C-alpha atoms as a PDB file:
ATOM      1  CA  MET A   1      40.761 -40.559 -39.987  1.00  0.00           C
ATOM      2  CA  THR A   2      43.367 -42.030 -37.808  1.00  0.00           C
ATOM      3  CA  ILE A   3      42.860 -43.731 -34.467  1.00  0.00           C
ATOM      4  CA  GLU A   4      44.644 -40.878 -32.679  1.00  0.00           C
ATOM      5  CA  THR A   5      42.188 -38.416 -34.213  1.00  0.00           C
ATOM      6  CA  LEU A   6      39.228 -40.517 -33.104  1.00  0.00           C
ATOM      7  CA  ASP A   7      40.706 -40.869 -29.653  1.00  0.00           C
ATOM      8  CA  GLY A   8      41.176 -37.141 -29.443  1.00  0.00           C
ATOM      9  CA  MET A   9      37.600 -36.497 -30.533  1.00  0.00           C
ATOM     10  CA  ALA A  10      36.324 -39.050 -28.030  1.00  0.00           C
ATOM     11  CA  GLN A  11      38.268 -37.305 -25.233  1.00  0.00           C
ATOM     12  CA  VAL A  12      36.842 -33.937 -26.248  1.00  0.00           C
ATOM     13  CA  LEU A  13      33.319 -35.366 -26.290  1.00  0.00           C
ATOM     14  CA  ASN A  14      33.871 -37.034 -22.879  1.00  0.00           C
ATOM     15  CA  SER A  15      35.211 -33.774 -21.454  1.00  0.00           C
ATOM     16  CA  MET A  16      32.211 -31.862 -22.794  1.00  0.00           C
ATOM     17  CA  GLU A  17      29.831 -34.437 -21.384  1.00  0.00           C
ATOM     18  CA  ASN A  18      31.463 -34.287 -17.976  1.00  0.00           C
ATOM     19  CA  THR A  19      31.373 -30.480 -18.075  1.00  0.00           C
ATOM     20  CA  VAL A  20      27.622 -30.540 -18.788  1.00  0.00           C
ATOM     21  CA  LYS A  21      27.027 -33.137 -15.978  1.00  0.00           C
ATOM     22  CA  LEU A  22      28.959 -31.011 -13.507  1.00  0.00           C
ATOM     23  CA  ARG A  23      27.145 -27.839 -14.496  1.00  0.00           C
ATOM     24  CA  ASN A  24      23.742 -29.551 -14.133  1.00  0.00           C
ATOM     25  CA  GLN A  25      24.770 -30.949 -10.757  1.00  0.00           C
ATOM     26  CA  ALA A  26      25.916 -27.482  -9.588  1.00  0.00           C
ATOM     27  CA  ARG A  27      22.590 -26.000 -10.691  1.00  0.00           C
ATOM     28  CA  ALA A  28      20.655 -28.756  -8.877  1.00  0.00           C
ATOM     29  CA  GLU A  29      22.648 -28.145  -5.692  1.00  0.00           C
ATOM     30  CA  ARG A  30      22.077 -24.389  -5.970  1.00  0.00           C
ATOM     31  CA  ARG A  31      18.300 -24.918  -6.461  1.00  0.00           C
ATOM     32  CA  ALA A  32      18.248 -27.277  -3.446  1.00  0.00           C
ATOM     33  CA  GLU A  33      20.072 -24.696  -1.285  1.00  0.00           C
ATOM     34  CA  GLU A  34      17.649 -21.898  -2.442  1.00  0.00           C
ATOM     35  CA  ALA A  35      14.683 -24.201  -1.661  1.00  0.00           C
ATOM     36  CA  ALA A  36      16.081 -24.965   1.818  1.00  0.00           C
ATOM     37  CA  GLN A  37      16.598 -21.253   2.487  1.00  0.00           C
ATOM     38  CA  ALA A  38      13.095 -20.414   1.258  1.00  0.00           C
ATOM     39  CA  GLN A  39      11.697 -23.121   3.574  1.00  0.00           C
ATOM     40  CA  LYS A  40      13.661 -21.619   6.513  1.00  0.00           C
ATOM     41  CA  ASP A  41      12.374 -18.160   5.747  1.00  0.00           C
ATOM     42  CA  PHE A  42       8.809 -19.495   5.484  1.00  0.00           C
ATOM     43  CA  GLN A  43       9.197 -21.268   8.862  1.00  0.00           C
ATOM     44  CA  LYS A  44      10.434 -18.034  10.435  1.00  0.00           C
ATOM     45  CA  LYS A  45       7.424 -16.186   9.072  1.00  0.00           C
ATOM     46  CA  LEU A  46       5.092 -18.886  10.440  1.00  0.00           C
ATOM     47  CA  MET A  47       6.746 -18.579  13.873  1.00  0.00           C
ATOM     48  CA  LEU A  48       6.405 -14.804  13.802  1.00  0.00           C
ATOM     49  CA  ALA A  49       2.774 -15.078  12.799  1.00  0.00           C
ATOM     50  CA  ALA A  50       2.143 -17.514  15.620  1.00  0.00           C
ATOM     51  CA  THR A  51       3.890 -15.220  18.088  1.00  0.00           C
ATOM     52  CA  THR A  52       1.882 -12.238  16.858  1.00  0.00           C
ATOM     53  CA  GLU A  53      -1.323 -14.231  17.176  1.00  0.00           C
ATOM     54  CA  THR A  54      -0.399 -15.210  20.743  1.00  0.00           C
ATOM     55  CA  GLU A  55       0.337 -11.614  21.636  1.00  0.00           C
ATOM     56  CA  LEU A  56      -2.947 -10.445  20.112  1.00  0.00           C
ATOM     57  CA  ASP A  57      -4.870 -13.108  22.009  1.00  0.00           C
ATOM     58  CA  SER A  58      -3.125 -11.944  25.199  1.00  0.00           C
ATOM     59  CA  LEU A  59      -4.025  -8.384  24.598  1.00  0.00           C
ATOM     60  CA  ALA A  60      -7.635  -9.261  23.808  1.00  0.00           C
ATOM     61  CA  SER A  61      -7.818 -11.296  26.982  1.00  0.00           C
ATOM     62  CA  ARG A  62      -6.415  -8.432  29.053  1.00  0.00           C
ATOM     63  CA  ALA A  63      -8.832  -5.934  27.405  1.00  0.00           C
ATOM     64  CA  LYS A  64     -11.767  -8.227  28.095  1.00  0.00           C
ATOM     65  CA  GLY A  65     -10.596  -8.697  31.665  1.00  0.00           C
ATOM     66  CA  SER A  66     -10.381  -4.930  32.122  1.00  0.00           C
ATOM     67  CA  HIS A  67     -13.797  -4.457  30.627  1.00  0.00           C
ATOM     68  CA  ASP A  68     -15.217  -7.088  32.888  1.00  0.00           C
ATOM     69  CA  ALA A  69     -13.578  -5.432  35.907  1.00  0.00           C
ATOM     70  CA  VAL A  70     -15.081  -2.031  34.949  1.00  0.00           C
ATOM     71  CA  LEU A  71     -18.554  -3.636  34.619  1.00  0.00           C
ATOM     72  CA  ARG A  72     -18.139  -5.354  37.982  1.00  0.00           C
ATOM     73  CA  ASP A  73     -17.071  -2.100  39.661  1.00  0.00           C
ATOM     74  CA  GLN A  74     -20.013  -0.257  38.175  1.00  0.00           C
ATOM     75  CA  LEU A  75     -22.395  -2.954  39.299  1.00  0.00           C
ATOM     76  CA  MET A  76     -20.932  -2.876  42.815  1.00  0.00           C
ATOM     77  CA  GLY A  77     -21.265   0.908  42.827  1.00  0.00           C
ATOM     78  CA  LEU A  78     -24.892   0.685  41.847  1.00  0.00           C
ATOM     79  CA  MET A  79     -25.574  -1.929  44.458  1.00  0.00           C
ATOM     80  CA  MET A  80     -23.809   0.189  47.118  1.00  0.00           C
ATOM     81  CA  ALA A  81     -25.880   3.222  46.087  1.00  0.00           C
ATOM     82  CA  GLY A  82     -29.054   1.190  46.681  1.00  0.00           C
ATOM     83  CA  PHE A  83     -30.279   0.951  43.044  1.00  0.00           C
END
């Protein structure tokens, strides 16, 4: 084998190695982007769940307040009727 042939083979091997490195780097970047997007989606779901929980607590509080008001009104009615 001549030196030119060896140099050519070395260039091909270097090119192949660079291609593999670039491909692996692109895959790693894509996985990182997908992980970041998944984390953002998860954070949105958590925020939605927290908002829903707050709304449910508010509704429960209003319902309890309404129930307490009805009981108070009934008690006042009974007291006014002389029971």
